[in-house]
Amino acid sequence: MDAPRWTPTTLSPEEAVEHDRVHGNLTRATRALVEAQLLTEVDHVEVEEVTAEIERLTARLRKATRAGALGVELGPGEREVRAHGNIVAGLRNPVAVLDMERRTVDENRRVTHELHLGPLYEGPPGLVHGGVSALVLDQVLGEAAAVGGSPGMTGRLTIHYRRPTPLGDLTVSARLESSEGRKSIVKGELRDADGRVTVEAEGLFILPSWATDLPEFKARQRAFE
């Protein structure tokens, strides 16, 4: 397997802050639009007019686009990882659900995220789709592996659905349990607004062999996801 696109950013610290402000605002506006599209009950004429307007805006953004995925940029800050295309936590991904400003890490290196899953993430009526729960847990388990000093990519993910997860405010947390060589075991859980565990997960994370040769990963503390 070839190494993925991990490239040093070309932005200065000041440029990175402005870039994140502008594109973060665009992402939030797009996310609000997507939810409004899902829930709207305006008449068909209005829907068709909005559709045409969205198509015009899309054409404006497509005047200059990257070829392919965003990949991951390193920097400009020391140990900074800019995975802005990440489907769970990417700053530029409108369907991402984790906000790094709502993440905490305690003295035991347990990673916790407060999040909100609304109608866009529905599976059974009024409930979070089980695949979305797994997606979120996979991300946070990967973060916990990195925070614990043993980053890697998912080799195995075991999910136990304990009870239905209602749409709304949720908490997801994970902690590195053990590590040996390039492998680590991480456990985590998703809780509803009342603090009840709805989903439990255990993951095996493996540091790819190509990563051991890269200077950026010598300290084994960079996240992969």
C-alpha atoms as a PDB file:
ATOM      1  CA  MET A   1       0.000   0.000   0.000  1.00  0.00           C
ATOM      2  CA  ASP A   2       1.334   3.404  -0.964  1.00  0.00           C
ATOM      3  CA  ALA A   3       1.474   6.140   1.646  1.00  0.00           C
ATOM      4  CA  PRO A   4      -1.524   8.507   1.395  1.00  0.00           C
ATOM      5  CA  ARG A   5      -1.186  12.196   0.738  1.00  0.00           C
ATOM      6  CA  TRP A   6       0.462  13.698   3.807  1.00  0.00           C
ATOM      7  CA  THR A   7       1.948  17.004   2.699  1.00  0.00           C
ATOM      8  CA  PRO A   8       3.350  20.044   4.499  1.00  0.00           C
ATOM      9  CA  THR A   9       0.977  22.994   4.314  1.00  0.00           C
ATOM     10  CA  THR A  10       2.022  26.014   2.296  1.00  0.00           C
ATOM     11  CA  LEU A  11       0.046  28.363   4.567  1.00  0.00           C
ATOM     12  CA  SER A  12       1.572  30.636   7.170  1.00  0.00           C
ATOM     13  CA  PRO A  13      -0.050  30.600  10.631  1.00  0.00           C
ATOM     14  CA  GLU A  14      -1.909  33.816   9.810  1.00  0.00           C
ATOM     15  CA  GLU A  15      -3.070  32.504   6.435  1.00  0.00           C
ATOM     16  CA  ALA A  16      -4.222  29.244   8.036  1.00  0.00           C
ATOM     17  CA  VAL A  17      -6.383  31.109  10.555  1.00  0.00           C
ATOM     18  CA  GLU A  18      -8.037  33.175   7.805  1.00  0.00           C
ATOM     19  CA  HIS A  19      -8.466  30.136   5.560  1.00  0.00           C
ATOM     20  CA  ASP A  20     -10.159  28.201   8.363  1.00  0.00           C
ATOM     21  CA  ARG A  21     -12.423  31.134   9.234  1.00  0.00           C
ATOM     22  CA  VAL A  22     -13.628  31.602   5.646  1.00  0.00           C
ATOM     23  CA  HIS A  23     -14.013  27.934   4.764  1.00  0.00           C
ATOM     24  CA  GLY A  24     -15.443  27.077   8.170  1.00  0.00           C
ATOM     25  CA  ASN A  25     -18.181  29.644   7.591  1.00  0.00           C
ATOM     26  CA  LEU A  26     -18.879  28.168   4.144  1.00  0.00           C
ATOM     27  CA  THR A  27     -19.092  24.678   5.642  1.00  0.00           C
ATOM     28  CA  ARG A  28     -21.527  25.760   8.342  1.00  0.00           C
ATOM     29  CA  ALA A  29     -23.716  27.554   5.796  1.00  0.00           C
ATOM     30  CA  THR A  30     -23.682  24.503   3.519  1.00  0.00           C
ATOM     31  CA  ARG A  31     -24.554  22.203   6.422  1.00  0.00           C
ATOM     32  CA  ALA A  32     -27.515  24.418   7.317  1.00  0.00           C
ATOM     33  CA  LEU A  33     -28.608  24.389   3.681  1.00  0.00           C
ATOM     34  CA  VAL A  34     -28.473  20.593   3.500  1.00  0.00           C
ATOM     35  CA  GLU A  35     -30.644  20.226   6.609  1.00  0.00           C
ATOM     36  CA  ALA A  36     -33.060  22.865   5.323  1.00  0.00           C
ATOM     37  CA  GLN A  37     -33.287  20.959   2.029  1.00  0.00           C
ATOM     38  CA  LEU A  38     -34.121  17.784   3.908  1.00  0.00           C
ATOM     39  CA  LEU A  39     -36.859  19.343   6.034  1.00  0.00           C
ATOM     40  CA  THR A  40     -38.358  21.965   3.718  1.00  0.00           C
ATOM     41  CA  GLU A  41     -42.046  21.969   2.891  1.00  0.00           C
ATOM     42  CA  VAL A  42     -42.149  25.030   0.633  1.00  0.00           C
ATOM     43  CA  ASP A  43     -44.120  24.655  -2.597  1.00  0.00           C
ATOM     44  CA  HIS A  44     -42.654  23.061  -5.729  1.00  0.00           C
ATOM     45  CA  VAL A  45     -42.182  26.363  -7.527  1.00  0.00           C
ATOM     46  CA  GLU A  46     -40.006  27.624  -4.670  1.00  0.00           C
ATOM     47  CA  VAL A  47     -38.069  24.346  -4.628  1.00  0.00           C
ATOM     48  CA  GLU A  48     -37.327  24.647  -8.350  1.00  0.00           C
ATOM     49  CA  GLU A  49     -36.175  28.251  -7.960  1.00  0.00           C
ATOM     50  CA  VAL A  50     -33.885  27.315  -5.068  1.00  0.00           C
ATOM     51  CA  THR A  51     -32.537  24.363  -7.089  1.00  0.00           C
ATOM     52  CA  ALA A  52     -31.566  26.690  -9.941  1.00  0.00           C
ATOM     53  CA  GLU A  53     -29.898  29.076  -7.504  1.00  0.00           C
ATOM     54  CA  ILE A  54     -27.919  26.278  -5.891  1.00  0.00           C
ATOM     55  CA  GLU A  55     -26.766  25.113  -9.328  1.00  0.00           C
ATOM     56  CA  ARG A  56     -25.504  28.636 -10.068  1.00  0.00           C
ATOM     57  CA  LEU A  57     -23.611  28.780  -6.761  1.00  0.00           C
ATOM     58  CA  THR A  58     -22.141  25.334  -7.394  1.00  0.00           C
ATOM     59  CA  ALA A  59     -20.865  26.469 -10.783  1.00  0.00           C
ATOM     60  CA  ARG A  60     -19.163  29.470  -9.122  1.00  0.00           C
ATOM     61  CA  LEU A  61     -17.340  27.243  -6.647  1.00  0.00           C
ATOM     62  CA  ARG A  62     -16.305  24.797  -9.357  1.00  0.00           C
ATOM     63  CA  LYS A  63     -14.427  27.514 -11.261  1.00  0.00           C
ATOM     64  CA  ALA A  64     -11.360  26.527  -9.223  1.00  0.00           C
ATOM     65  CA  THR A  65     -11.247  23.139  -7.529  1.00  0.00           C
ATOM     66  CA  ARG A  66      -8.634  20.617  -6.458  1.00  0.00           C
ATOM     67  CA  ALA A  67      -8.140  17.404  -8.365  1.00  0.00           C
ATOM     68  CA  GLY A  68      -9.253  14.576  -6.108  1.00  0.00           C
ATOM     69  CA  ALA A  69      -9.453  14.446  -2.332  1.00  0.00           C
ATOM     70  CA  LEU A  70      -7.981  17.012   0.057  1.00  0.00           C
ATOM     71  CA  GLY A  71      -5.612  14.574   1.731  1.00  0.00           C
ATOM     72  CA  VAL A  72      -3.955  15.708   4.962  1.00  0.00           C
ATOM     73  CA  GLU A  73      -1.755  18.762   5.513  1.00  0.00           C
ATOM     74  CA  LEU A  74       0.806  18.967   8.304  1.00  0.00           C
ATOM     75  CA  GLY A  75       1.368  22.324  10.002  1.00  0.00           C
ATOM     76  CA  PRO A  76       1.774  25.225  10.089  1.00  0.00           C
ATOM     77  CA  GLY A  77       1.731  24.723  13.850  1.00  0.00           C
ATOM     78  CA  GLU A  78       3.990  22.120  15.423  1.00  0.00           C
ATOM     79  CA  ARG A  79       2.245  18.712  15.358  1.00  0.00           C
ATOM     80  CA  GLU A  80      -0.794  20.287  13.666  1.00  0.00           C
ATOM     81  CA  VAL A  81      -2.802  17.943  11.424  1.00  0.00           C
ATOM     82  CA  ARG A  82      -5.242  19.510   8.965  1.00  0.00           C
ATOM     83  CA  ALA A  83      -7.550  16.699   7.785  1.00  0.00           C
ATOM     84  CA  HIS A  84     -10.196  19.067   6.465  1.00  0.00           C
ATOM     85  CA  GLY A  85     -11.835  16.536   4.163  1.00  0.00           C
ATOM     86  CA  ASN A  86     -12.438  13.995   6.938  1.00  0.00           C
ATOM     87  CA  ILE A  87     -16.055  12.819   6.774  1.00  0.00           C
ATOM     88  CA  VAL A  88     -16.435  12.791  10.573  1.00  0.00           C
ATOM     89  CA  ALA A  89     -14.369  15.765  11.726  1.00  0.00           C
ATOM     90  CA  GLY A  90     -13.212  17.705   8.654  1.00  0.00           C
ATOM     91  CA  LEU A  91     -13.535  21.482   8.884  1.00  0.00           C
ATOM     92  CA  ARG A  92     -14.485  21.670   5.191  1.00  0.00           C
ATOM     93  CA  ASN A  93     -16.830  18.671   5.132  1.00  0.00           C
ATOM     94  CA  PRO A  94     -20.481  19.740   5.583  1.00  0.00           C
ATOM     95  CA  VAL A  95     -21.613  16.307   6.777  1.00  0.00           C
ATOM     96  CA  ALA A  96     -18.892  16.058   9.451  1.00  0.00           C
ATOM     97  CA  VAL A  97     -20.341  15.924  12.971  1.00  0.00           C
ATOM     98  CA  LEU A  98     -17.380  16.408  15.305  1.00  0.00           C
ATOM     99  CA  ASP A  99     -16.180  19.881  16.241  1.00  0.00           C
ATOM    100  CA  MET A 100     -12.635  19.868  17.632  1.00  0.00           C
ATOM    101  CA  GLU A 101     -13.543  22.832  19.826  1.00  0.00           C
ATOM    102  CA  ARG A 102     -15.953  20.515  21.667  1.00  0.00           C
ATOM    103  CA  ARG A 103     -13.291  17.873  22.283  1.00  0.00           C
ATOM    104  CA  THR A 104     -11.615  17.311  25.651  1.00  0.00           C
ATOM    105  CA  VAL A 105      -8.790  15.053  26.775  1.00  0.00           C
ATOM    106  CA  ASP A 106      -8.561  14.182  30.477  1.00  0.00           C
ATOM    107  CA  GLU A 107      -5.579  13.264  32.629  1.00  0.00           C
ATOM    108  CA  ASN A 108      -5.990   9.605  31.628  1.00  0.00           C
ATOM    109  CA  ARG A 109      -5.867  10.553  27.937  1.00  0.00           C
ATOM    110  CA  ARG A 110      -9.527   9.718  27.429  1.00  0.00           C
ATOM    111  CA  VAL A 111     -10.832  11.610  24.411  1.00  0.00           C
ATOM    112  CA  THR A 112     -14.399  12.925  24.674  1.00  0.00           C
ATOM    113  CA  HIS A 113     -16.521  14.740  22.095  1.00  0.00           C
ATOM    114  CA  GLU A 114     -19.861  16.438  22.636  1.00  0.00           C
ATOM    115  CA  LEU A 115     -21.897  16.319  19.424  1.00  0.00           C
ATOM    116  CA  HIS A 116     -25.352  16.721  17.965  1.00  0.00           C
ATOM    117  CA  LEU A 117     -26.817  14.342  15.402  1.00  0.00           C
ATOM    118  CA  GLY A 118     -29.900  15.785  13.766  1.00  0.00           C
ATOM    119  CA  PRO A 119     -32.314  14.618  11.060  1.00  0.00           C
ATOM    120  CA  LEU A 120     -29.564  14.173   8.455  1.00  0.00           C
ATOM    121  CA  TYR A 121     -28.295  11.140  10.371  1.00  0.00           C
ATOM    122  CA  GLU A 122     -31.587   9.322  10.880  1.00  0.00           C
ATOM    123  CA  GLY A 123     -31.885   5.578  10.394  1.00  0.00           C
ATOM    124  CA  PRO A 124     -34.959   4.137  12.125  1.00  0.00           C
ATOM    125  CA  PRO A 125     -37.534   6.880  12.812  1.00  0.00           C
ATOM    126  CA  GLY A 126     -36.134   9.351  15.334  1.00  0.00           C
ATOM    127  CA  LEU A 127     -32.958   7.324  15.835  1.00  0.00           C
ATOM    128  CA  VAL A 128     -29.358   7.570  14.670  1.00  0.00           C
ATOM    129  CA  HIS A 129     -28.429   5.194  11.850  1.00  0.00           C
ATOM    130  CA  GLY A 130     -26.255   2.389  13.222  1.00  0.00           C
ATOM    131  CA  GLY A 131     -23.657   2.970  10.525  1.00  0.00           C
ATOM    132  CA  VAL A 132     -23.305   6.597  11.598  1.00  0.00           C
ATOM    133  CA  SER A 133     -22.720   5.495  15.196  1.00  0.00           C
ATOM    134  CA  ALA A 134     -19.976   3.148  13.985  1.00  0.00           C
ATOM    135  CA  LEU A 135     -18.455   5.911  11.846  1.00  0.00           C
ATOM    136  CA  VAL A 136     -18.261   8.316  14.781  1.00  0.00           C
ATOM    137  CA  LEU A 137     -16.821   5.696  17.137  1.00  0.00           C
ATOM    138  CA  ASP A 138     -14.205   4.654  14.582  1.00  0.00           C
ATOM    139  CA  GLN A 139     -13.018   8.257  14.369  1.00  0.00           C
ATOM    140  CA  VAL A 140     -12.856   8.835  18.107  1.00  0.00           C
ATOM    141  CA  LEU A 141     -11.168   5.503  18.797  1.00  0.00           C
ATOM    142  CA  GLY A 142      -8.536   6.486  16.233  1.00  0.00           C
ATOM    143  CA  GLU A 143      -8.058   9.836  17.963  1.00  0.00           C
ATOM    144  CA  ALA A 144      -7.670   8.097  21.328  1.00  0.00           C
ATOM    145  CA  ALA A 145      -5.013   5.786  19.883  1.00  0.00           C
ATOM    146  CA  ALA A 146      -3.063   8.819  18.668  1.00  0.00           C
ATOM    147  CA  VAL A 147      -3.502  10.768  21.909  1.00  0.00           C
ATOM    148  CA  GLY A 148      -2.305   7.694  23.799  1.00  0.00           C
ATOM    149  CA  GLY A 149       0.887   7.651  21.726  1.00  0.00           C
ATOM    150  CA  SER A 150       0.007   4.689  19.498  1.00  0.00           C
ATOM    151  CA  PRO A 151      -1.629   6.026  16.332  1.00  0.00           C
ATOM    152  CA  GLY A 152      -2.716   3.742  13.555  1.00  0.00           C
ATOM    153  CA  MET A 153      -5.344   2.829  11.014  1.00  0.00           C
ATOM    154  CA  THR A 154      -8.345   0.676  11.788  1.00  0.00           C
ATOM    155  CA  GLY A 155      -7.552  -3.028  11.489  1.00  0.00           C
ATOM    156  CA  ARG A 156     -10.702  -4.254  13.205  1.00  0.00           C
ATOM    157  CA  LEU A 157     -13.749  -2.547  14.672  1.00  0.00           C
ATOM    158  CA  THR A 158     -16.208  -4.427  16.881  1.00  0.00           C
ATOM    159  CA  ILE A 159     -19.520  -2.712  17.614  1.00  0.00           C
ATOM    160  CA  HIS A 160     -22.065  -3.626  20.290  1.00  0.00           C
ATOM    161  CA  TYR A 161     -25.425  -1.871  19.986  1.00  0.00           C
ATOM    162  CA  ARG A 162     -26.787  -1.772  23.542  1.00  0.00           C
ATOM    163  CA  ARG A 163     -29.904   0.327  22.948  1.00  0.00           C
ATOM    164  CA  PRO A 164     -31.300   2.638  20.249  1.00  0.00           C
ATOM    165  CA  THR A 165     -29.483   5.972  19.956  1.00  0.00           C
ATOM    166  CA  PRO A 166     -31.934   8.899  19.762  1.00  0.00           C
ATOM    167  CA  LEU A 167     -31.241  11.840  17.496  1.00  0.00           C
ATOM    168  CA  GLY A 168     -30.037  14.892  19.421  1.00  0.00           C
ATOM    169  CA  ASP A 169     -27.214  15.688  21.822  1.00  0.00           C
ATOM    170  CA  LEU A 170     -24.750  12.860  22.387  1.00  0.00           C
ATOM    171  CA  THR A 171     -21.366  12.165  23.952  1.00  0.00           C
ATOM    172  CA  VAL A 172     -18.706   9.862  22.505  1.00  0.00           C
ATOM    173  CA  SER A 173     -15.492   8.943  24.300  1.00  0.00           C
ATOM    174  CA  ALA A 174     -12.602   6.500  23.956  1.00  0.00           C
ATOM    175  CA  ARG A 175      -9.310   5.552  25.587  1.00  0.00           C
ATOM    176  CA  LEU A 176      -6.260   3.534  24.614  1.00  0.00           C
ATOM    177  CA  GLU A 177      -6.335   0.241  26.519  1.00  0.00           C
ATOM    178  CA  SER A 178      -3.061  -1.361  25.449  1.00  0.00           C
ATOM    179  CA  SER A 179      -0.365  -1.307  22.774  1.00  0.00           C
ATOM    180  CA  GLU A 180       2.325  -3.637  21.549  1.00  0.00           C
ATOM    181  CA  GLY A 181       4.636  -2.851  18.679  1.00  0.00           C
ATOM    182  CA  ARG A 182       2.620  -1.302  15.857  1.00  0.00           C
ATOM    183  CA  LYS A 183      -0.719  -2.507  17.253  1.00  0.00           C
ATOM    184  CA  SER A 184      -3.018  -0.924  19.810  1.00  0.00           C
ATOM    185  CA  ILE A 185      -6.389  -1.744  21.363  1.00  0.00           C
ATOM    186  CA  VAL A 186      -8.857   1.084  22.035  1.00  0.00           C
ATOM    187  CA  LYS A 187     -12.295   1.010  23.667  1.00  0.00           C
ATOM    188  CA  GLY A 188     -15.054   3.597  23.576  1.00  0.00           C
ATOM    189  CA  GLU A 189     -18.757   4.271  23.857  1.00  0.00           C
ATOM    190  CA  LEU A 190     -21.542   6.504  22.650  1.00  0.00           C
ATOM    191  CA  ARG A 191     -23.988   7.920  25.218  1.00  0.00           C
ATOM    192  CA  ASP A 192     -27.342   9.629  24.828  1.00  0.00           C
ATOM    193  CA  ALA A 193     -28.375  12.929  26.429  1.00  0.00           C
ATOM    194  CA  ASP A 194     -29.297  11.087  29.646  1.00  0.00           C
ATOM    195  CA  GLY A 195     -25.856   9.528  29.924  1.00  0.00           C
ATOM    196  CA  ARG A 196     -26.966   6.023  28.985  1.00  0.00           C
ATOM    197  CA  VAL A 197     -24.555   3.931  26.917  1.00  0.00           C
ATOM    198  CA  THR A 198     -26.161   3.180  23.563  1.00  0.00           C
ATOM    199  CA  VAL A 199     -23.198   1.786  21.619  1.00  0.00           C
ATOM    200  CA  GLU A 200     -19.883   0.271  22.719  1.00  0.00           C
ATOM    201  CA  ALA A 201     -16.874  -0.290  20.486  1.00  0.00           C
ATOM    202  CA  GLU A 202     -13.463  -1.909  20.560  1.00  0.00           C
ATOM    203  CA  GLY A 203     -10.901  -1.311  17.851  1.00  0.00           C
ATOM    204  CA  LEU A 204      -7.566  -2.725  16.778  1.00  0.00           C
ATOM    205  CA  PHE A 205      -5.396   0.000  15.273  1.00  0.00           C
ATOM    206  CA  ILE A 206      -2.230  -0.735  13.322  1.00  0.00           C
ATOM    207  CA  LEU A 207       0.537   1.687  12.435  1.00  0.00           C
ATOM    208  CA  PRO A 208       1.278   1.027   8.712  1.00  0.00           C
ATOM    209  CA  SER A 209       4.792  -0.110   7.919  1.00  0.00           C
ATOM    210  CA  TRP A 210       5.344   2.824   5.551  1.00  0.00           C
ATOM    211  CA  ALA A 211       4.602   5.257   8.397  1.00  0.00           C
ATOM    212  CA  THR A 212       7.456   3.977  10.544  1.00  0.00           C
ATOM    213  CA  ASP A 213       9.928   5.350   8.007  1.00  0.00           C
ATOM    214  CA  LEU A 214       8.488   8.873   7.889  1.00  0.00           C
ATOM    215  CA  PRO A 215      10.027  11.555  10.150  1.00  0.00           C
ATOM    216  CA  GLU A 216       6.551  12.898  10.995  1.00  0.00           C
ATOM    217  CA  PHE A 217       5.601   9.616  12.661  1.00  0.00           C
ATOM    218  CA  LYS A 218       8.786   8.804  14.556  1.00  0.00           C
ATOM    219  CA  ALA A 219       7.172  10.032  17.780  1.00  0.00           C
ATOM    220  CA  ARG A 220       4.059   7.917  17.053  1.00  0.00           C
ATOM    221  CA  GLN A 221       1.750  10.752  18.004  1.00  0.00           C
ATOM    222  CA  ARG A 222       0.063  11.885  14.784  1.00  0.00           C
ATOM    223  CA  ALA A 223      -3.523  10.957  14.064  1.00  0.00           C
ATOM    224  CA  PHE A 224      -4.407   9.119  10.882  1.00  0.00           C
ATOM    225  CA  GLU A 225      -8.122   9.853  10.742  1.00  0.00           C
END
